Amino acid sequence: MQKLSQPDNILPRNLIRAARIVTMVPEQPLLSDGALLTQTTAAGDRIIAVGNYHSLKNERYQKLVDLGPVTIGPGLINAHTHLELSHLAGRTIAGQGFVAWLKSLVPHLNIPPRDNDLLHALAGMRLSGTVFAADMADRHAARLETFLEKNDFAHWLMIQHFGFAAPDSKGGMTATTAEKLNPELAVSKNFCRAGHAFYSTAATTLQAAKAWDRRQHRPFALHLAESQGESELLSNGRGQLADFFREAGILPPEFQAPGCSPVAFADQLKLLDKMTLAIHCVELTQSDIEILARRRVNVCLCPRSNAFIGVGRAPFAKMLQAKINLCLGTDSLTSNHDLNLWHELEFLQHNVKTNLNLQTSLAMLTRNPAQALALNHDYGTLEPGKIALWSVIPAQFL
């Protein structure tokens, strides 16, 4: 039995019982007839002991919560969402490639999210056991932050930097649209700087955003190697994606392709380290995989989003073999049917040749994103000291 040493006091305690518990603590076996002893603290409900129910039933507690014949694991972490786009579900083109999808999305981006759509999206995540989201936001970030705080949902608000404008006084960065509209966002405890992508954001801006996150000890996220068009743009400056962003007035005429892959360019710019979350990583060479592994970069896969848009599949087996820290994200409802991470995992399992055991599968939804997003103190495993939140593991994964 694991127990947190803590002075006796009168704070409320509960005993949570389940038929089986997968703690995700490395090398700890599945607990049959398991229990979590939790205690209410100023920082929320925390786990103070984990073990067999019969070993904990005589501990002092106020309430027994019997979850019945289910298997529970840590609460799930969605490593990549765009919740502010939830109201745009059904408005994008599927299966025709990245540029066609992008062209169908862009005309709607100024439409603010509606509360009912945000509530529906959030309810779906909670119902599937998601307790934290790393959300990449843009112009409607302030509204999203207010909504998530009001609804007590833990998150990183990863504000995306766009554009190739000359830097202002923000340490080499142009201010994000979200900051221009709501300067107070930058002092939020949930705030991180993120890069949109190389085809939409100046390299110097990405470097400055990464440097800011590094100083604040916060994760930095970047859409990376999502499509063939991105690889073509960085390789030779040409292609359908390059044409689209030039026509939109975003990619400047003087843009010079670095002549390498997106991952290699990110490495040259020193954007890659253990606090970087690279999102998608569909178009990877073996050399790219070796760079990601060597730099200890975290990778968030969004397989259903990639299939919806029609950009291909990430080389999952090769990244797994390279021991890259892999996470799963749902992306947004403009490129997915729901925000349920179990559906994401099911799709992945059905579309890779590698046999995935429960520990490897569940790690991508719990322990791995906790590591990637600097959340190890609170999330990722069920053990003393962690926040008392859990998910029910569907029978098909057991």
Protein backbone atom coordinates (compact mmCIF):
# COMPACT_ATOMS: atom_id res chain seq x y z
CA MET A 1 0.00 0.00 0.00
CA GLN A 2 1.24 3.49 -0.93
CA LYS A 3 0.49 6.18 1.63
CA LEU A 4 1.33 9.86 1.87
CA SER A 5 2.77 10.87 5.20
CA GLN A 6 0.51 13.61 6.46
CA PRO A 7 -0.44 14.98 9.89
CA ASP A 8 -3.82 13.94 11.25
CA ASN A 9 -6.40 16.69 10.91
CA ILE A 10 -10.08 17.22 10.38
CA LEU A 11 -10.07 17.78 6.63
CA PRO A 12 -12.69 15.62 4.85
CA ARG A 13 -11.59 12.24 3.54
CA ASN A 14 -13.26 9.88 1.08
CA LEU A 15 -12.51 6.28 0.14
CA ILE A 16 -12.92 5.53 -3.56
CA ARG A 17 -13.39 1.82 -4.33
CA ALA A 18 -13.15 0.15 -7.76
CA ALA A 19 -12.96 -3.43 -8.96
CA ARG A 20 -9.54 -2.74 -10.49
CA ILE A 21 -7.11 0.18 -10.51
CA VAL A 22 -4.37 0.81 -13.05
CA THR A 23 -2.19 3.35 -11.27
CA MET A 24 0.25 3.87 -14.18
CA VAL A 25 3.07 4.00 -11.64
CA PRO A 26 5.93 2.23 -13.47
CA GLU A 27 6.15 -1.49 -12.70
CA GLN A 28 3.22 -1.36 -10.28
CA PRO A 29 0.76 -4.20 -10.99
CA LEU A 30 -2.97 -3.80 -11.48
CA LEU A 31 -4.78 -3.58 -8.13
CA SER A 32 -7.78 -5.87 -7.74
CA ASP A 33 -10.51 -4.57 -5.44
CA GLY A 34 -8.52 -1.37 -5.21
CA ALA A 35 -9.11 1.87 -3.38
CA LEU A 36 -7.96 5.48 -3.27
CA LEU A 37 -8.04 7.35 0.01
CA THR A 38 -8.49 11.04 -0.81
CA GLN A 39 -8.45 14.19 1.27
CA THR A 40 -9.80 17.66 0.58
CA THR A 41 -7.07 20.30 0.74
CA ALA A 42 -6.71 23.93 -0.24
CA ALA A 43 -5.35 22.66 -3.57
CA GLY A 44 -8.35 20.40 -4.18
CA ASP A 45 -8.89 16.73 -3.46
CA ARG A 46 -5.59 14.84 -3.26
CA ILE A 47 -4.77 11.16 -3.06
CA ILE A 48 -3.18 10.27 0.28
CA ALA A 49 -3.13 6.46 -0.05
CA VAL A 50 -3.53 3.82 -2.76
CA GLY A 51 -3.97 0.11 -2.17
CA ASN A 52 -6.29 -2.82 -1.75
CA TYR A 53 -9.73 -1.93 -0.36
CA HIS A 54 -9.35 -4.27 2.61
CA SER A 55 -6.06 -2.61 3.56
CA LEU A 56 -7.64 0.86 3.54
CA LYS A 57 -11.21 0.29 4.74
CA ASN A 58 -10.24 0.81 8.38
CA GLU A 59 -8.67 4.20 7.68
CA ARG A 60 -10.58 7.24 8.87
CA TYR A 61 -12.86 8.64 6.16
CA GLN A 62 -16.23 10.35 5.90
CA LYS A 63 -17.66 8.76 2.75
CA LEU A 64 -17.26 5.55 0.76
CA VAL A 65 -17.71 5.96 -2.99
CA ASP A 66 -18.06 2.51 -4.56
CA LEU A 67 -17.62 2.76 -8.33
CA GLY A 68 -18.66 -0.84 -8.82
CA PRO A 69 -17.27 -3.40 -11.31
CA VAL A 70 -15.11 -0.99 -13.30
CA THR A 71 -11.41 -0.49 -13.96
CA ILE A 72 -10.12 3.00 -13.36
CA GLY A 73 -6.91 4.73 -14.34
CA PRO A 74 -5.58 8.28 -14.07
CA GLY A 75 -7.64 11.12 -15.50
CA LEU A 76 -6.94 11.63 -19.19
CA ILE A 77 -4.92 14.51 -20.62
CA ASN A 78 -5.81 15.78 -24.10
CA ALA A 79 -2.45 16.98 -25.38
CA HIS A 80 -3.85 18.99 -28.30
CA THR A 81 -7.19 20.73 -28.72
CA HIS A 82 -8.61 23.89 -30.26
CA LEU A 83 -11.74 24.34 -28.19
CA GLU A 84 -12.43 27.82 -29.55
CA LEU A 85 -13.28 26.16 -32.89
CA SER A 86 -15.92 23.86 -31.42
CA HIS A 87 -18.79 25.85 -32.95
CA LEU A 88 -17.38 25.29 -36.46
CA ALA A 89 -17.99 21.55 -36.55
CA GLY A 90 -19.36 20.46 -39.91
CA ARG A 91 -18.12 23.52 -41.80
CA THR A 92 -14.90 22.10 -43.21
CA ILE A 93 -14.04 19.86 -46.16
CA ALA A 94 -12.86 16.36 -45.29
CA GLY A 95 -10.54 14.01 -47.14
CA GLN A 96 -9.28 16.40 -49.83
CA GLY A 97 -5.97 17.42 -48.33
CA PHE A 98 -4.64 20.14 -46.09
CA VAL A 99 -5.10 23.16 -48.37
CA ALA A 100 -8.71 22.29 -49.25
CA TRP A 101 -9.48 21.86 -45.54
CA LEU A 102 -7.72 25.13 -44.69
CA LYS A 103 -9.59 27.06 -47.37
CA SER A 104 -12.89 25.80 -45.97
CA LEU A 105 -11.92 26.80 -42.41
CA VAL A 106 -10.38 30.27 -42.81
CA PRO A 107 -13.60 32.18 -43.73
CA HIS A 108 -15.15 31.17 -40.39
CA LEU A 109 -12.28 32.02 -38.03
CA ASN A 110 -13.61 35.43 -37.03
CA ILE A 111 -16.87 33.94 -35.76
CA PRO A 112 -16.69 33.84 -31.94
CA PRO A 113 -17.44 30.56 -30.16
CA ARG A 114 -20.90 30.11 -28.69
CA ASP A 115 -21.27 29.06 -25.07
CA ASN A 116 -23.56 26.15 -25.95
CA ASP A 117 -20.98 24.71 -28.32
CA LEU A 118 -18.20 25.13 -25.77
CA LEU A 119 -20.36 23.49 -23.10
CA HIS A 120 -21.14 20.57 -25.39
CA ALA A 121 -17.47 20.07 -26.28
CA LEU A 122 -16.37 20.28 -22.66
CA ALA A 123 -19.10 17.91 -21.50
CA GLY A 124 -17.95 15.34 -24.05
CA MET A 125 -14.39 15.53 -22.81
CA ARG A 126 -15.40 15.21 -19.17
CA LEU A 127 -17.74 12.31 -19.87
CA SER A 128 -14.86 10.35 -21.41
CA GLY A 129 -12.61 11.00 -18.41
CA THR A 130 -10.53 13.93 -19.68
CA VAL A 131 -9.39 16.15 -16.80
CA PHE A 132 -6.84 18.43 -18.51
CA ALA A 133 -6.41 19.92 -21.99
CA ALA A 134 -3.48 21.61 -23.68
CA ASP A 135 -5.47 24.02 -25.81
CA MET A 136 -3.96 26.04 -28.65
CA ALA A 137 -5.97 29.23 -28.91
CA ASP A 138 -6.00 32.34 -31.05
CA ARG A 139 -8.19 35.43 -31.36
CA HIS A 140 -10.94 34.13 -29.06
CA ALA A 141 -8.53 33.03 -26.33
CA ALA A 142 -9.83 35.43 -23.66
CA ARG A 143 -13.37 34.16 -24.05
CA LEU A 144 -12.14 30.58 -23.87
CA GLU A 145 -10.04 31.30 -20.77
CA THR A 146 -13.04 32.84 -18.99
CA PHE A 147 -15.18 29.87 -19.96
CA LEU A 148 -12.70 27.23 -18.78
CA GLU A 149 -12.03 29.02 -15.50
CA LYS A 150 -15.75 29.44 -14.87
CA ASN A 151 -16.29 25.73 -15.51
CA ASP A 152 -13.29 24.73 -13.38
CA PHE A 153 -11.51 22.78 -16.13
CA ALA A 154 -7.72 22.55 -15.86
CA HIS A 155 -5.76 23.57 -18.93
CA TRP A 156 -2.82 25.20 -20.58
CA LEU A 157 -3.86 28.12 -22.77
CA MET A 158 -1.27 27.89 -25.53
CA ILE A 159 -1.57 31.16 -27.43
CA GLN A 160 -0.48 30.76 -31.04
CA HIS A 161 1.88 33.21 -32.73
CA PHE A 162 1.11 33.93 -36.38
CA GLY A 163 2.64 36.09 -39.05
CA PHE A 164 5.88 37.40 -40.49
CA ALA A 165 5.59 41.02 -39.34
CA ALA A 166 8.67 42.74 -37.99
CA PRO A 167 9.18 42.11 -34.25
CA ASP A 168 7.95 44.62 -31.72
CA SER A 169 9.31 45.16 -28.23
CA LYS A 170 8.26 41.74 -26.88
CA GLY A 171 11.70 40.19 -26.99
CA GLY A 172 11.72 39.66 -30.75
CA MET A 173 8.03 38.70 -30.99
CA THR A 174 5.07 40.35 -32.58
CA ALA A 175 2.18 40.41 -30.12
CA THR A 176 -0.43 37.73 -30.70
CA THR A 177 -3.91 38.75 -31.79
CA ALA A 178 -5.20 37.46 -28.46
CA GLU A 179 -2.79 39.67 -26.48
CA LYS A 180 -3.62 42.75 -28.54
CA LEU A 181 -7.29 42.23 -27.71
CA ASN A 182 -6.72 41.20 -24.08
CA PRO A 183 -3.26 42.11 -22.69
CA GLU A 184 -4.10 40.53 -19.32
CA LEU A 185 -3.91 37.04 -20.85
CA ALA A 186 -0.11 37.01 -20.59
CA VAL A 187 -0.22 37.05 -16.79
CA SER A 188 -2.63 34.12 -16.51
CA LYS A 189 -1.27 31.11 -14.64
CA ASN A 190 -2.43 28.99 -17.60
CA PHE A 191 -0.68 31.03 -20.30
CA CYS A 192 1.96 29.57 -22.61
CA ARG A 193 3.32 30.86 -25.88
CA ALA A 194 3.02 28.54 -28.87
CA GLY A 195 3.95 28.62 -32.53
CA HIS A 196 1.36 27.94 -35.18
CA ALA A 197 3.66 26.56 -37.89
CA PHE A 198 6.64 27.40 -40.08
CA TYR A 199 4.41 28.23 -43.05
CA SER A 200 2.52 30.88 -41.05
CA THR A 201 4.99 32.23 -38.47
CA ALA A 202 8.43 33.83 -38.70
CA ALA A 203 11.30 31.72 -37.42
CA THR A 204 12.52 34.56 -35.18
CA THR A 205 9.06 34.83 -33.60
CA LEU A 206 9.04 31.10 -32.89
CA GLN A 207 12.47 31.37 -31.29
CA ALA A 208 11.32 34.26 -29.08
CA ALA A 209 8.16 32.40 -28.06
CA LYS A 210 10.19 29.32 -27.16
CA ALA A 211 12.64 31.46 -25.16
CA TRP A 212 9.73 33.01 -23.21
CA ASP A 213 8.32 29.58 -22.34
CA ARG A 214 11.77 28.38 -21.34
CA ARG A 215 12.19 31.28 -18.93
CA GLN A 216 8.77 30.59 -17.42
CA HIS A 217 9.36 26.81 -17.29
CA ARG A 218 6.28 26.18 -19.42
CA PRO A 219 5.76 23.85 -22.39
CA PHE A 220 6.12 25.14 -25.95
CA ALA A 221 3.91 23.65 -28.68
CA LEU A 222 4.25 23.78 -32.45
CA HIS A 223 2.35 22.17 -35.34
CA LEU A 224 5.19 20.34 -37.06
CA ALA A 225 5.49 18.28 -40.24
CA GLU A 226 1.71 17.91 -40.56
CA SER A 227 1.49 17.76 -44.34
CA GLN A 228 3.49 17.17 -47.48
CA GLY A 229 2.87 20.80 -48.41
CA GLU A 230 4.74 21.97 -45.32
CA SER A 231 7.73 19.79 -46.18
CA GLU A 232 7.69 21.05 -49.76
CA LEU A 233 7.54 24.68 -48.65
CA LEU A 234 10.58 24.35 -46.40
CA SER A 235 12.45 22.25 -48.92
CA ASN A 236 12.13 24.53 -51.97
CA GLY A 237 9.60 27.29 -51.20
CA ARG A 238 7.06 25.97 -53.67
CA GLY A 239 3.85 23.97 -53.70
CA GLN A 240 0.13 24.37 -53.14
CA LEU A 241 0.48 25.33 -49.46
CA ALA A 242 3.13 27.94 -50.27
CA ASP A 243 0.89 29.39 -53.00
CA PHE A 244 -2.08 29.58 -50.63
CA PHE A 245 -0.19 31.48 -47.93
CA ARG A 246 1.42 33.83 -50.47
CA GLU A 247 -1.99 34.59 -52.01
CA ALA A 248 -3.38 35.22 -48.52
CA GLY A 249 -0.62 37.78 -47.92
CA ILE A 250 0.81 35.84 -44.96
CA LEU A 251 3.93 34.29 -46.46
CA PRO A 252 6.11 37.24 -47.61
CA PRO A 253 7.50 37.35 -51.17
CA GLU A 254 11.05 37.40 -49.77
CA PHE A 255 10.58 34.14 -47.84
CA GLN A 256 13.63 31.91 -48.27
CA ALA A 257 13.17 28.18 -47.86
CA PRO A 258 15.79 26.71 -45.48
CA GLY A 259 16.19 23.71 -47.78
CA CYS A 260 15.51 21.05 -45.16
CA SER A 261 12.69 19.21 -43.41
CA PRO A 262 10.46 20.95 -40.81
CA VAL A 263 12.06 18.91 -38.01
CA ALA A 264 15.59 19.70 -39.17
CA PHE A 265 14.70 23.41 -39.38
CA ALA A 266 13.20 23.35 -35.88
CA ASP A 267 16.41 21.76 -34.66
CA GLN A 268 18.54 24.44 -36.34
CA LEU A 269 16.46 27.09 -34.57
CA LYS A 270 16.94 25.32 -31.21
CA LEU A 271 13.20 24.90 -30.72
CA LEU A 272 13.47 21.23 -29.80
CA ASP A 273 13.99 19.96 -26.26
CA LYS A 274 12.20 18.04 -23.52
CA MET A 275 9.76 20.93 -22.95
CA THR A 276 8.67 21.04 -26.61
CA LEU A 277 5.46 19.40 -27.81
CA ALA A 278 5.61 18.72 -31.55
CA ILE A 279 2.11 18.20 -32.89
CA HIS A 280 1.16 15.80 -35.73
CA CYS A 281 4.62 14.79 -37.09
CA VAL A 282 3.14 12.97 -40.09
CA GLU A 283 5.87 13.73 -42.62
CA LEU A 284 9.01 12.38 -40.94
CA THR A 285 12.20 10.88 -42.33
CA GLN A 286 14.30 8.49 -40.31
CA SER A 287 16.71 11.35 -39.70
CA ASP A 288 13.83 13.45 -38.34
CA ILE A 289 12.87 10.68 -35.93
CA GLU A 290 16.45 10.46 -34.72
CA ILE A 291 16.52 14.23 -34.10
CA LEU A 292 13.27 14.11 -32.11
CA ALA A 293 14.57 11.23 -30.02
CA ARG A 294 17.96 12.83 -29.43
CA ARG A 295 16.41 16.12 -28.33
CA ARG A 296 13.89 14.27 -26.12
CA VAL A 297 11.01 16.05 -27.86
CA ASN A 298 7.46 15.08 -26.95
CA VAL A 299 5.20 14.26 -29.88
CA CYS A 300 1.41 14.58 -29.89
CA LEU A 301 -0.30 12.41 -32.48
CA CYS A 302 -3.78 13.27 -33.77
CA PRO A 303 -4.52 10.28 -36.04
CA ARG A 304 -8.23 10.93 -36.60
CA SER A 305 -7.58 14.57 -37.51
CA ASN A 306 -4.91 13.51 -40.00
CA ALA A 307 -7.31 10.99 -41.55
CA PHE A 308 -10.18 13.51 -41.64
CA ILE A 309 -8.07 16.06 -43.51
CA GLY A 310 -6.31 13.47 -45.65
CA VAL A 311 -2.65 14.15 -44.90
CA GLY A 312 -1.57 10.57 -44.16
CA ARG A 313 -0.42 8.77 -41.03
CA ALA A 314 2.44 9.49 -38.68
CA PRO A 315 5.15 6.76 -38.50
CA PHE A 316 3.93 5.60 -35.10
CA ALA A 317 5.84 2.32 -34.87
CA LYS A 318 9.17 3.97 -35.72
CA MET A 319 8.66 6.70 -33.15
CA LEU A 320 7.64 4.16 -30.53
CA GLN A 321 10.76 2.12 -31.30
CA ALA A 322 12.87 5.28 -30.96
CA LYS A 323 11.43 5.73 -27.45
CA ILE A 324 9.94 9.14 -28.22
CA ASN A 325 7.47 10.30 -25.58
CA LEU A 326 4.19 9.92 -27.47
CA CYS A 327 0.88 11.53 -26.51
CA LEU A 328 -2.54 11.65 -28.12
CA GLY A 329 -4.72 14.65 -28.87
CA THR A 330 -8.03 15.07 -30.60
CA ASP A 331 -7.34 18.38 -32.36
CA SER A 332 -10.55 20.34 -32.99
CA LEU A 333 -14.08 19.54 -34.09
CA THR A 334 -13.21 21.09 -37.46
CA SER A 335 -11.08 18.02 -38.18
CA ASN A 336 -12.56 15.38 -35.89
CA HIS A 337 -15.94 13.92 -34.97
CA ASP A 338 -15.57 14.27 -31.20
CA LEU A 339 -13.03 15.06 -28.47
CA ASN A 340 -13.07 11.58 -26.92
CA LEU A 341 -9.52 10.30 -26.35
CA TRP A 342 -10.69 6.69 -26.09
CA HIS A 343 -11.96 6.99 -29.68
CA GLU A 344 -8.56 8.42 -30.65
CA LEU A 345 -6.80 5.46 -29.08
CA GLU A 346 -9.19 2.97 -30.68
CA PHE A 347 -8.54 4.50 -34.12
CA LEU A 348 -4.80 4.36 -33.58
CA GLN A 349 -4.89 0.73 -32.48
CA HIS A 350 -6.90 -0.24 -35.55
CA ASN A 351 -4.54 1.52 -37.92
CA VAL A 352 -1.08 0.49 -36.76
CA LYS A 353 0.59 -2.87 -37.10
CA THR A 354 2.19 -2.71 -33.67
CA ASN A 355 0.45 -4.59 -30.87
CA LEU A 356 -0.16 -2.15 -28.02
CA ASN A 357 -0.58 -3.38 -24.47
CA LEU A 358 -2.65 -1.55 -21.86
CA GLN A 359 0.33 0.19 -20.25
CA THR A 360 1.68 1.55 -23.55
CA SER A 361 -1.78 2.61 -24.71
CA LEU A 362 -2.86 4.26 -21.48
CA ALA A 363 0.49 6.01 -21.07
CA MET A 364 -0.22 8.08 -24.19
CA LEU A 365 -3.32 9.46 -22.49
CA THR A 366 -1.94 9.92 -18.97
CA ARG A 367 1.69 9.61 -17.91
CA ASN A 368 3.26 10.69 -21.21
CA PRO A 369 1.33 13.96 -21.63
CA ALA A 370 1.84 14.71 -17.93
CA GLN A 371 5.58 14.54 -18.60
CA ALA A 372 5.33 16.51 -21.85
CA LEU A 373 3.27 19.31 -20.32
CA ALA A 374 5.12 19.67 -17.00
CA LEU A 375 2.17 18.26 -15.06
CA ASN A 376 3.89 15.40 -13.24
CA HIS A 377 3.29 16.97 -9.85
CA ASP A 378 -0.49 16.72 -10.23
CA TYR A 379 -1.45 14.32 -13.03
CA GLY A 380 -0.43 11.22 -14.96
CA THR A 381 -0.56 8.52 -12.27
CA LEU A 382 -2.74 7.51 -9.34
CA GLU A 383 -0.41 7.79 -6.36
CA PRO A 384 -0.13 9.75 -3.12
CA GLY A 385 0.13 13.48 -3.66
CA LYS A 386 -1.61 13.57 -7.04
CA ILE A 387 -4.96 15.19 -7.74
CA ALA A 388 -7.80 12.76 -7.05
CA LEU A 389 -9.17 12.50 -10.57
CA TRP A 390 -9.59 9.29 -12.53
CA SER A 391 -11.07 7.84 -15.70
CA VAL A 392 -13.03 4.64 -16.29
CA ILE A 393 -11.15 2.44 -18.78
CA PRO A 394 -13.48 0.95 -21.43
CA ALA A 395 -13.60 -2.85 -21.35
CA GLN A 396 -12.28 -3.16 -24.92
CA PHE A 397 -8.85 -1.88 -23.83
CA LEU A 398 -8.42 -4.32 -20.95
